[in-house]
Protein backbone atom coordinates (compact mmCIF):
# COMPACT_ATOMS: atom_id res chain seq x y z
CA MET A 1 93.65 44.77 59.39
CA ASN A 2 92.06 48.21 59.22
CA HIS A 3 93.45 50.81 61.54
CA ILE A 4 91.13 53.28 63.21
CA VAL A 5 92.55 56.77 63.05
CA THR A 6 91.20 60.05 64.29
CA VAL A 7 89.95 62.68 61.90
CA GLN A 8 90.63 65.53 64.24
CA ASP A 9 93.06 67.21 61.86
CA ALA A 10 90.47 67.17 59.09
CA VAL A 11 87.74 68.48 61.39
CA THR A 12 89.76 71.25 62.99
CA ALA A 13 91.69 72.20 59.86
CA PHE A 14 89.07 74.80 58.96
CA ALA A 15 88.52 76.16 62.47
CA ASP A 16 90.34 79.42 61.66
CA PHE A 17 87.85 80.14 58.89
CA MET A 18 84.80 79.37 61.00
CA GLU A 19 85.03 82.22 63.47
CA PRO A 20 81.77 84.08 64.11
CA THR A 21 81.36 87.31 62.24
CA ASN A 22 80.85 90.64 63.97
CA GLU A 23 77.17 90.54 62.97
CA GLU A 24 76.76 87.13 64.60
CA LEU A 25 78.48 88.31 67.77
CA ASP A 26 76.21 91.38 67.84
CA ALA A 27 73.15 89.13 67.46
CA ILE A 28 74.32 86.99 70.38
CA GLU A 29 74.85 90.12 72.46
CA ARG A 30 71.32 91.35 71.65
CA GLU A 31 69.87 87.95 72.62
CA MET A 32 71.88 87.64 75.85
CA PRO A 33 69.04 88.85 78.15
CA VAL A 34 66.80 86.11 76.72
CA ILE A 35 69.54 83.51 77.13
CA LEU A 36 70.23 84.50 80.74
CA ALA A 37 66.52 84.53 81.59
CA GLY A 38 66.22 81.04 80.11
CA VAL A 39 69.16 79.82 82.19
CA ASP A 40 67.53 81.25 85.32
CA LEU A 41 64.28 79.47 84.43
CA VAL A 42 66.05 76.13 84.03
CA ASP A 43 67.91 76.65 87.33
CA THR A 44 64.62 77.40 89.07
CA GLN A 45 62.97 74.34 87.58
CA ILE A 46 65.87 72.12 88.60
CA THR A 47 65.67 73.44 92.15
CA ALA A 48 61.94 72.68 92.24
CA LEU A 49 62.58 69.12 91.01
CA ASP A 50 64.78 68.29 94.00
CA ARG A 51 61.80 68.21 96.35
CA VAL A 52 58.04 68.36 96.41
CA PRO A 53 57.26 71.83 95.03
CA ASN A 54 55.58 74.16 97.49
CA GLU A 55 53.88 77.50 96.84
CA MET A 56 57.19 79.38 96.98
CA ASP A 57 58.71 77.11 94.34
CA ASN A 58 55.68 77.62 92.12
CA ARG A 59 56.04 81.39 92.47
CA ARG A 60 59.75 81.25 91.60
CA VAL A 61 59.06 79.20 88.47
CA ARG A 62 56.21 81.50 87.45
CA ARG A 63 58.35 84.61 87.94
CA ALA A 64 61.22 83.05 86.00
CA ARG A 65 58.83 82.24 83.13
CA ASN A 66 57.58 85.82 83.19
CA ARG A 67 61.17 87.11 83.00
CA VAL A 68 61.78 84.92 79.93
CA LEU A 69 58.60 86.19 78.27
CA THR A 70 59.50 89.79 79.09
CA ALA A 71 63.01 89.40 77.67
CA ARG A 72 61.61 87.78 74.50
CA ARG A 73 59.03 90.54 74.10
CA GLU A 74 61.66 93.27 74.50
CA LEU A 75 63.92 91.56 71.97
CA ALA A 76 61.07 91.24 69.48
CA ASN A 77 60.07 94.88 69.98
CA ARG A 78 63.65 96.04 69.44
CA ALA A 79 63.96 93.91 66.31
CA ALA A 80 60.64 95.18 64.94
CA GLY A 81 61.55 98.79 65.67
CA ARG A 82 64.91 98.41 64.00
CA SER A 83 63.53 96.79 60.83
CA LEU A 84 61.05 99.60 60.09
CA PRO A 85 62.95 102.53 58.62
CA GLY A 86 61.60 106.01 59.19
CA GLY A 87 59.29 104.92 61.99
CA ALA A 88 56.66 103.62 59.57
CA ALA A 89 54.24 101.16 61.09
């Protein structure tokens, strides 16, 4: 008879070595406005799914999409500005 055992010890044995680096944490912090805007968009879409969407629901979804696009644009602009040393275009 074969016994089924867990492999949790093997999986979590390296957890101490798999902590995020400071650079990864900084990247998450820079992307946080995009993440939060995306969460707001999903929340708005879920709210609109609960009933027949009316004009107000459509506006909320559209505004939430615009906030996501704005956050993505600002993140891309910051990343592009940071990667060009000396202000060269």
